[in-house]
N, C-alpha and C. Protein backbone atom coordinates (compact mmCIF):
# COMPACT_ATOMS: atom_id res chain seq x y z
N MET A 1 21.41 218.22 219.30
CA MET A 1 20.11 217.61 218.32
C MET A 1 19.75 219.02 218.11
N PRO A 2 19.59 219.97 217.38
CA PRO A 2 18.55 220.93 217.82
C PRO A 2 17.20 220.08 217.71
N PRO A 3 16.44 220.85 218.57
CA PRO A 3 14.99 220.47 219.07
C PRO A 3 13.62 220.13 216.99
N SER A 4 14.12 220.59 216.34
CA SER A 4 13.22 220.51 215.08
C SER A 4 13.95 219.08 214.76
N ALA A 5 15.04 218.85 214.13
CA ALA A 5 15.72 217.22 214.32
C ALA A 5 15.67 216.47 215.07
N GLN A 6 15.37 216.73 216.65
CA GLN A 6 15.12 215.50 217.23
C GLN A 6 13.48 215.17 217.23
N ALA A 7 12.63 216.08 217.02
CA ALA A 7 11.12 216.07 216.75
C ALA A 7 11.19 215.12 215.36
N ALA A 8 11.91 215.75 214.39
CA ALA A 8 11.48 214.94 212.88
C ALA A 8 11.98 213.41 213.16
N ALA A 9 13.45 213.26 213.99
CA ALA A 9 14.00 211.92 213.92
C ALA A 9 12.79 210.99 215.19
N THR A 10 12.59 211.58 215.72
CA THR A 10 11.14 210.67 216.97
C THR A 10 10.09 210.62 216.05
N ALA A 11 9.38 211.54 215.09
CA ALA A 11 8.41 210.97 214.69
C ALA A 11 9.04 209.92 213.03
N LYS A 12 10.32 209.64 213.40
CA LYS A 12 10.27 209.05 212.30
C LYS A 12 10.18 207.62 212.69
N ARG A 13 10.94 207.67 213.83
CA ARG A 13 10.83 206.16 214.80
C ARG A 13 9.12 205.96 214.45
N SER A 14 8.58 206.58 215.40
CA SER A 14 7.27 206.64 215.55
C SER A 14 5.70 206.08 214.56
N ALA A 15 6.78 206.82 213.37
CA ALA A 15 4.94 206.48 212.20
C ALA A 15 5.36 205.33 212.25
N PRO A 16 4.17 204.83 211.68
CA PRO A 16 3.32 203.45 211.34
C PRO A 16 4.38 202.87 210.32
N VAL A 17 4.65 201.76 210.44
CA VAL A 17 5.41 201.42 209.15
C VAL A 17 4.75 200.58 208.29
N GLN A 18 4.29 200.89 206.75
CA GLN A 18 3.78 200.66 205.78
C GLN A 18 3.94 199.43 205.78
N ALA A 19 2.96 198.40 205.52
CA ALA A 19 3.42 196.94 204.93
C ALA A 19 3.57 196.95 203.31
N HIS A 20 3.72 196.26 202.47
CA HIS A 20 3.24 195.90 201.47
C HIS A 20 2.74 194.67 201.15
N VAL A 21 1.40 194.60 201.10
CA VAL A 21 0.84 193.20 200.89
C VAL A 21 0.98 192.69 199.60
N VAL A 22 1.80 191.58 199.47
CA VAL A 22 1.89 191.19 197.77
C VAL A 22 0.61 189.95 197.70
N ALA A 23 0.06 189.65 196.87
CA ALA A 23 -1.10 188.87 196.68
C ALA A 23 -0.02 187.26 195.92
N PRO A 24 -0.47 186.67 196.43
CA PRO A 24 -0.10 185.14 196.40
C PRO A 24 -0.31 184.90 194.81
N VAL A 25 0.50 184.52 194.11
CA VAL A 25 0.53 184.31 192.51
C VAL A 25 -0.30 182.87 192.55
N LEU A 26 -1.48 182.70 191.69
CA LEU A 26 -1.96 181.60 191.60
C LEU A 26 -2.05 181.06 190.17
N ALA A 27 -1.47 179.37 190.16
CA ALA A 27 -1.68 179.11 189.05
C ALA A 27 -3.32 178.89 188.79
N PRO A 28 -3.06 178.93 187.46
CA PRO A 28 -5.17 178.33 186.46
C PRO A 28 -5.21 177.53 187.01
N PRO A 29 -5.99 177.34 187.39
CA PRO A 29 -7.13 175.90 188.05
C PRO A 29 -6.37 174.79 186.52
N GLN A 30 -6.16 173.44 187.03
CA GLN A 30 -6.45 172.89 186.16
C GLN A 30 -7.12 171.55 185.72
N ALA A 31 -7.35 171.01 185.11
CA ALA A 31 -8.54 169.48 184.87
C ALA A 31 -7.83 168.94 186.51
N PRO A 32 -8.86 168.13 186.56
CA PRO A 32 -8.25 166.93 187.22
C PRO A 32 -7.90 166.33 186.66
N VAL A 33 -6.78 165.20 187.07
CA VAL A 33 -6.30 163.83 186.78
C VAL A 33 -6.68 163.04 187.29
N GLN A 34 -8.01 162.43 186.21
CA GLN A 34 -8.89 161.57 186.90
C GLN A 34 -7.93 160.16 186.38
N ALA A 35 -7.73 160.13 185.21
CA ALA A 35 -6.89 159.60 184.45
C ALA A 35 -6.44 158.16 185.43
N LEU A 36 -5.32 159.30 186.13
CA LEU A 36 -4.31 158.09 186.80
C LEU A 36 -4.70 157.91 187.98
N ALA A 37 -5.74 158.55 188.55
CA ALA A 37 -6.64 158.12 190.02
C ALA A 37 -7.25 156.80 189.70
N ARG A 38 -7.84 156.23 188.33
CA ARG A 38 -8.27 154.90 188.38
C ARG A 38 -7.81 154.23 187.38
N PRO A 39 -7.96 153.09 187.28
CA PRO A 39 -7.43 152.79 185.54
C PRO A 39 -8.67 153.07 185.07
N GLN A 40 -8.36 152.32 183.77
CA GLN A 40 -9.65 152.42 182.33
C GLN A 40 -10.20 151.33 182.82
N ALA A 41 -11.35 151.55 182.87
CA ALA A 41 -12.35 150.42 182.66
C ALA A 41 -12.16 149.11 181.26
N THR A 42 -12.12 148.39 181.87
CA THR A 42 -11.64 147.25 180.21
C THR A 42 -13.23 147.03 179.64
N PRO A 43 -13.11 147.41 178.52
CA PRO A 43 -14.60 146.86 177.76
C PRO A 43 -14.80 146.00 178.02
N PRO A 44 -16.85 145.57 178.11
CA PRO A 44 -17.13 144.47 178.05
C PRO A 44 -17.08 143.58 176.78
N LEU A 45 -16.32 142.01 177.91
CA LEU A 45 -16.29 141.28 176.88
C LEU A 45 -17.65 140.33 175.88
N ASP A 46 -17.45 140.21 174.76
CA ASP A 46 -18.79 139.67 173.94
C ASP A 46 -18.67 138.42 174.75
N LEU A 47 -19.71 137.99 174.08
CA LEU A 47 -19.91 136.53 174.98
C LEU A 47 -19.08 134.87 174.23
N GLN A 48 -18.96 134.93 172.89
CA GLN A 48 -17.85 134.12 171.97
C GLN A 48 -16.26 134.84 172.50
N SER A 49 -15.85 135.54 172.87
CA SER A 49 -15.00 135.71 173.44
C SER A 49 -15.01 135.30 175.04
N LEU A 50 -15.60 135.93 175.79
CA LEU A 50 -15.93 135.70 177.22
C LEU A 50 -15.47 133.89 177.60
N GLU A 51 -16.69 133.20 176.24
CA GLU A 51 -16.19 131.37 176.10
C GLU A 51 -14.78 130.90 175.76
N ALA A 52 -14.78 131.65 175.05
CA ALA A 52 -13.06 131.13 175.22
C ALA A 52 -11.87 131.38 175.94
N ARG A 53 -12.18 132.36 176.59
CA ARG A 53 -11.10 133.05 177.52
C ARG A 53 -11.54 131.69 178.98
N LEU A 54 -13.03 131.73 178.89
CA LEU A 54 -13.11 130.62 179.89
C LEU A 54 -12.57 129.37 179.28
N LYS A 55 -12.39 128.73 178.63
CA LYS A 55 -12.19 127.63 177.91
C LYS A 55 -10.48 127.74 178.63
N ALA A 56 -9.85 128.31 178.53
CA ALA A 56 -8.72 128.79 177.94
C ALA A 56 -8.19 128.62 179.16
N THR A 57 -8.51 129.59 180.33
CA THR A 57 -7.59 129.31 181.60
C THR A 57 -8.07 128.66 182.55
N GLN A 58 -6.65 129.00 182.72
CA GLN A 58 -5.68 127.84 183.46
C GLN A 58 -6.18 127.88 185.23
N ALA A 59 -6.83 128.82 185.46
CA ALA A 59 -7.30 128.98 186.76
C ALA A 59 -8.32 128.10 187.52
N ILE A 60 -9.19 127.54 186.47
CA ILE A 60 -10.36 126.82 186.70
C ILE A 60 -9.86 125.29 186.20
N GLY A 61 -10.50 124.03 186.80
CA GLY A 61 -9.55 122.97 186.59
C GLY A 61 -10.92 122.09 185.48
N VAL A 62 -10.38 121.28 184.97
CA VAL A 62 -11.47 120.84 184.02
C VAL A 62 -12.92 120.27 184.51
N PHE A 63 -12.89 119.50 185.97
CA PHE A 63 -14.22 119.24 186.45
C PHE A 63 -15.03 120.64 186.63
N THR A 64 -14.37 121.52 187.26
CA THR A 64 -15.22 122.88 187.42
C THR A 64 -15.98 123.01 186.19
N LYS A 65 -14.87 123.54 185.27
CA LYS A 65 -15.44 123.95 184.03
C LYS A 65 -16.56 123.63 183.40
N LEU A 66 -16.77 122.15 183.25
CA LEU A 66 -17.65 121.61 183.06
C LEU A 66 -19.23 121.34 183.93
N THR A 67 -18.61 121.48 185.21
CA THR A 67 -19.56 122.21 185.88
C THR A 67 -20.24 123.59 185.75
N LEU A 68 -19.45 124.49 185.52
CA LEU A 68 -19.91 125.77 185.05
C LEU A 68 -20.28 126.32 183.51
N LYS A 69 -19.97 124.92 183.05
CA LYS A 69 -20.87 124.61 182.07
C LYS A 69 -22.24 124.17 181.86
N ASN A 70 -22.62 123.47 182.24
CA ASN A 70 -23.86 122.94 182.85
C ASN A 70 -24.62 123.88 183.60
N GLN A 71 -24.06 124.45 184.25
CA GLN A 71 -24.63 125.73 185.02
C GLN A 71 -25.23 126.95 183.99
N ILE A 72 -24.31 126.69 183.09
CA ILE A 72 -24.92 127.92 182.23
C ILE A 72 -25.82 127.45 181.08
N ASP A 73 -25.58 126.45 180.89
CA ASP A 73 -26.49 125.68 179.93
C ASP A 73 -28.02 125.59 180.76
N ASP A 74 -27.84 125.82 182.11
CA ASP A 74 -28.76 125.33 182.66
C ASP A 74 -30.15 126.90 182.64
N LEU A 75 -29.36 127.77 182.51
CA LEU A 75 -29.43 129.46 182.91
C LEU A 75 -30.20 129.99 181.77
N LEU A 76 -29.10 129.13 180.47
CA LEU A 76 -29.54 129.48 179.26
C LEU A 76 -30.94 128.88 178.94
N ALA A 77 -30.97 128.01 179.10
CA ALA A 77 -32.58 126.78 179.03
C ALA A 77 -33.66 127.31 180.14
N GLN A 78 -33.22 128.31 181.21
CA GLN A 78 -34.42 129.09 181.94
C GLN A 78 -34.70 130.04 180.71
N PHE A 79 -33.63 130.65 180.22
CA PHE A 79 -34.02 132.15 180.09
C PHE A 79 -35.23 131.98 178.71
N ARG A 80 -34.57 130.52 178.13
CA ARG A 80 -35.43 129.96 176.91
C ARG A 80 -36.29 129.97 176.82
N ALA A 81 -36.82 129.01 178.16
CA ALA A 81 -38.30 128.67 178.49
C ALA A 81 -39.34 130.01 178.91
N TYR A 82 -38.59 131.03 179.97
CA TYR A 82 -39.03 132.05 180.17
C TYR A 82 -39.88 133.07 179.06
N TYR A 83 -38.77 132.43 177.82
CA TYR A 83 -39.55 133.77 176.98
C TYR A 83 -40.82 132.72 176.26
N ARG A 84 -40.76 131.82 176.33
CA ARG A 84 -41.56 131.15 175.56
C ARG A 84 -42.91 131.02 176.01
N GLY A 85 -42.70 131.36 177.63
CA GLY A 85 -43.92 131.44 178.62
C GLY A 85 -44.12 129.99 179.33
N GLN A 86 -43.14 129.24 178.82
CA GLN A 86 -43.22 128.20 179.76
C GLN A 86 -42.51 127.99 180.88
N LEU A 87 -42.13 129.09 181.52
CA LEU A 87 -41.51 129.33 182.76
C LEU A 87 -42.18 129.89 183.67
N LYS A 88 -42.83 129.40 184.84
CA LYS A 88 -43.45 130.39 185.99
C LYS A 88 -42.72 130.81 186.57
N VAL A 89 -41.16 132.22 186.38
CA VAL A 89 -41.03 132.81 186.99
C VAL A 89 -40.41 134.12 186.80
N THR A 90 -40.01 134.79 187.58
CA THR A 90 -39.82 136.51 187.35
C THR A 90 -38.58 136.63 186.65
N LEU A 91 -38.53 137.61 185.85
CA LEU A 91 -36.88 138.33 185.47
C LEU A 91 -36.00 138.77 186.06
N THR A 92 -36.64 139.30 187.94
CA THR A 92 -35.76 139.44 188.84
C THR A 92 -35.17 137.90 189.60
N ALA A 93 -35.76 137.25 189.48
CA ALA A 93 -35.52 135.82 189.84
C ALA A 93 -34.62 135.26 189.00
N LEU A 94 -34.68 135.40 187.55
CA LEU A 94 -33.59 134.94 186.88
C LEU A 94 -32.23 135.87 186.78
N ARG A 95 -32.50 136.96 187.10
CA ARG A 95 -31.08 138.31 187.22
C ARG A 95 -30.50 137.73 188.50
N GLN A 96 -31.53 137.13 189.99
CA GLN A 96 -30.26 136.20 190.94
C GLN A 96 -29.57 134.96 190.81
N SER A 97 -30.49 134.03 190.00
CA SER A 97 -29.68 133.08 189.25
C SER A 97 -28.44 133.80 188.62
N PHE A 98 -28.57 134.78 187.62
CA PHE A 98 -27.80 134.97 186.70
C PHE A 98 -26.51 135.72 187.71
N ASP A 99 -26.91 136.38 188.60
CA ASP A 99 -25.61 137.05 189.59
C ASP A 99 -24.75 136.04 190.15
N ARG A 100 -25.84 134.78 190.75
CA ARG A 100 -25.15 134.11 191.83
C ARG A 100 -23.78 133.02 190.67
N LEU A 101 -24.40 132.95 189.36
CA LEU A 101 -23.34 132.00 188.77
C LEU A 101 -22.36 133.30 188.41
N VAL A 102 -22.06 134.30 188.12
CA VAL A 102 -21.67 135.35 187.95
C VAL A 102 -20.12 135.31 189.14
N LEU A 103 -20.89 135.58 190.44
CA LEU A 103 -20.16 135.24 191.77
C LEU A 103 -19.31 134.13 191.43
N LYS A 104 -19.94 132.97 191.47
CA LYS A 104 -19.32 131.82 191.63
C LYS A 104 -17.83 132.14 190.81
N VAL A 105 -17.84 132.63 189.45
CA VAL A 105 -17.01 132.54 188.28
C VAL A 105 -16.13 133.62 188.80
N LEU A 106 -16.83 134.59 189.60
CA LEU A 106 -15.67 135.72 189.82
C LEU A 106 -14.66 135.09 190.78
N ALA A 107 -15.32 134.19 191.82
CA ALA A 107 -14.82 134.06 193.29
C ALA A 107 -13.67 132.86 192.70
N LEU A 108 -14.13 131.94 191.76
CA LEU A 108 -13.13 130.90 191.16
C LEU A 108 -12.08 132.01 190.38
N LEU A 109 -11.93 132.56 189.55
CA LEU A 109 -10.85 133.44 189.09
C LEU A 109 -10.05 134.50 189.64
N GLN A 110 -10.63 134.97 190.81
CA GLN A 110 -10.20 136.50 191.63
C GLN A 110 -8.66 136.36 191.79
N ASP A 111 -8.63 135.12 192.28
CA ASP A 111 -6.83 135.18 192.41
C ASP A 111 -6.10 133.90 191.70
N ALA A 112 -6.53 133.70 190.56
CA ALA A 112 -5.62 132.91 189.42
C ALA A 112 -5.54 133.85 188.23
N ASP A 113 -6.45 134.60 188.10
CA ASP A 113 -6.74 134.80 187.11
C ASP A 113 -7.39 136.57 187.30
N PRO A 114 -6.61 137.10 187.56
CA PRO A 114 -7.40 138.63 187.85
C PRO A 114 -7.89 139.65 186.52
N PRO A 115 -7.24 139.29 185.66
CA PRO A 115 -7.54 140.11 183.90
C PRO A 115 -8.74 139.41 183.51
N LEU A 116 -9.08 138.42 183.84
CA LEU A 116 -10.59 137.54 183.65
C LEU A 116 -11.25 137.96 184.50
N ALA A 117 -10.98 137.99 185.62
CA ALA A 117 -12.02 138.13 186.14
C ALA A 117 -12.64 139.99 186.36
N MET A 118 -11.62 140.73 186.19
CA MET A 118 -11.95 141.89 186.13
C MET A 118 -13.03 142.44 184.55
N ALA A 119 -12.29 141.53 183.98
CA ALA A 119 -13.04 141.59 182.20
C ALA A 119 -14.93 141.12 182.39
N ILE A 120 -14.50 140.19 182.87
CA ILE A 120 -16.19 139.38 183.63
C ILE A 120 -17.34 140.44 184.51
N GLU A 121 -16.49 141.23 185.20
CA GLU A 121 -16.82 141.63 186.05
C GLU A 121 -17.48 142.98 185.47
N SER A 122 -16.63 143.93 184.19
CA SER A 122 -17.04 144.60 183.67
C SER A 122 -18.30 144.43 182.45
N SER A 123 -17.95 143.08 182.27
CA SER A 123 -19.32 142.84 181.39
C SER A 123 -20.38 142.29 181.76
N ARG A 124 -20.45 142.21 182.87
CA ARG A 124 -21.84 141.58 183.69
C ARG A 124 -23.08 142.56 183.22
N GLU A 125 -22.91 143.71 183.40
CA GLU A 125 -24.39 144.45 182.61
C GLU A 125 -24.27 144.32 181.27
N SER A 126 -23.36 144.27 180.60
CA SER A 126 -23.39 143.88 179.32
C SER A 126 -24.05 142.55 178.55
N ILE A 127 -23.49 141.64 179.52
CA ILE A 127 -24.11 140.00 179.51
C ILE A 127 -25.46 140.54 179.78
N TRP A 128 -25.97 140.84 181.11
CA TRP A 128 -27.38 140.91 181.09
C TRP A 128 -28.47 141.77 180.42
N GLY A 129 -27.45 142.35 179.65
CA GLY A 129 -28.22 142.84 178.77
C GLY A 129 -28.89 142.14 177.66
N ILE A 130 -28.20 141.28 176.89
CA ILE A 130 -28.16 140.68 176.34
C ILE A 130 -29.10 139.75 177.11
N LEU A 131 -28.94 138.64 178.07
CA LEU A 131 -30.30 137.65 178.37
C LEU A 131 -31.59 138.35 178.67
N SER A 132 -31.52 139.59 179.15
CA SER A 132 -32.89 139.97 179.59
C SER A 132 -33.73 140.71 177.98
N ASN A 133 -33.42 141.15 177.37
CA ASN A 133 -33.97 141.50 176.34
C ASN A 133 -34.40 140.17 175.04
N PRO A 134 -35.28 140.15 174.93
CA PRO A 134 -35.73 138.54 174.26
C PRO A 134 -35.23 138.98 172.67
N ALA A 135 -35.42 140.04 171.97
CA ALA A 135 -34.66 140.09 170.64
C ALA A 135 -33.25 139.59 170.92
N LYS A 136 -32.67 140.56 171.44
CA LYS A 136 -30.89 140.32 171.62
C LYS A 136 -30.99 138.84 172.11
N PHE A 137 -31.42 137.96 173.11
CA PHE A 137 -31.36 137.12 173.06
C PHE A 137 -31.56 135.87 172.19
N ALA A 138 -32.37 136.02 171.66
CA ALA A 138 -32.76 135.23 170.37
C ALA A 138 -31.37 134.96 169.60
N ALA A 139 -30.41 136.22 169.30
CA ALA A 139 -29.33 136.26 168.36
C ALA A 139 -28.85 135.46 168.98
N VAL A 140 -28.72 134.88 170.05
CA VAL A 140 -27.42 134.06 170.36
C VAL A 140 -27.44 133.04 170.20
């Protein structure tokens, strides 16, 4: 091989290889799929619907339902007395009584009637909003 051809071949072999860098193709960002990640919240129950579903559920026995009804009536009587100024208790104390009663109902329902338990849980703040507002409570 002539020296010039040999020099050219050596130069080709020792020449740096140029790499072609290809940028990855990225898909446009998508909105997060939150609807699949968590179930839709159930809309709050109105008080009449709640009462009807509690009466109809098979998850609570008859005597337990009577006990709950008496406890609910007692709590409502406390709210009436509170709004008339006849009960020297704070709204915070009434909230604690309300929360205890709701937790008791949820404990009774959670295994035997989960849909009703979830509906009550999602309605808790809505119900409290009615009880803690004198104008809304008077309309009940």
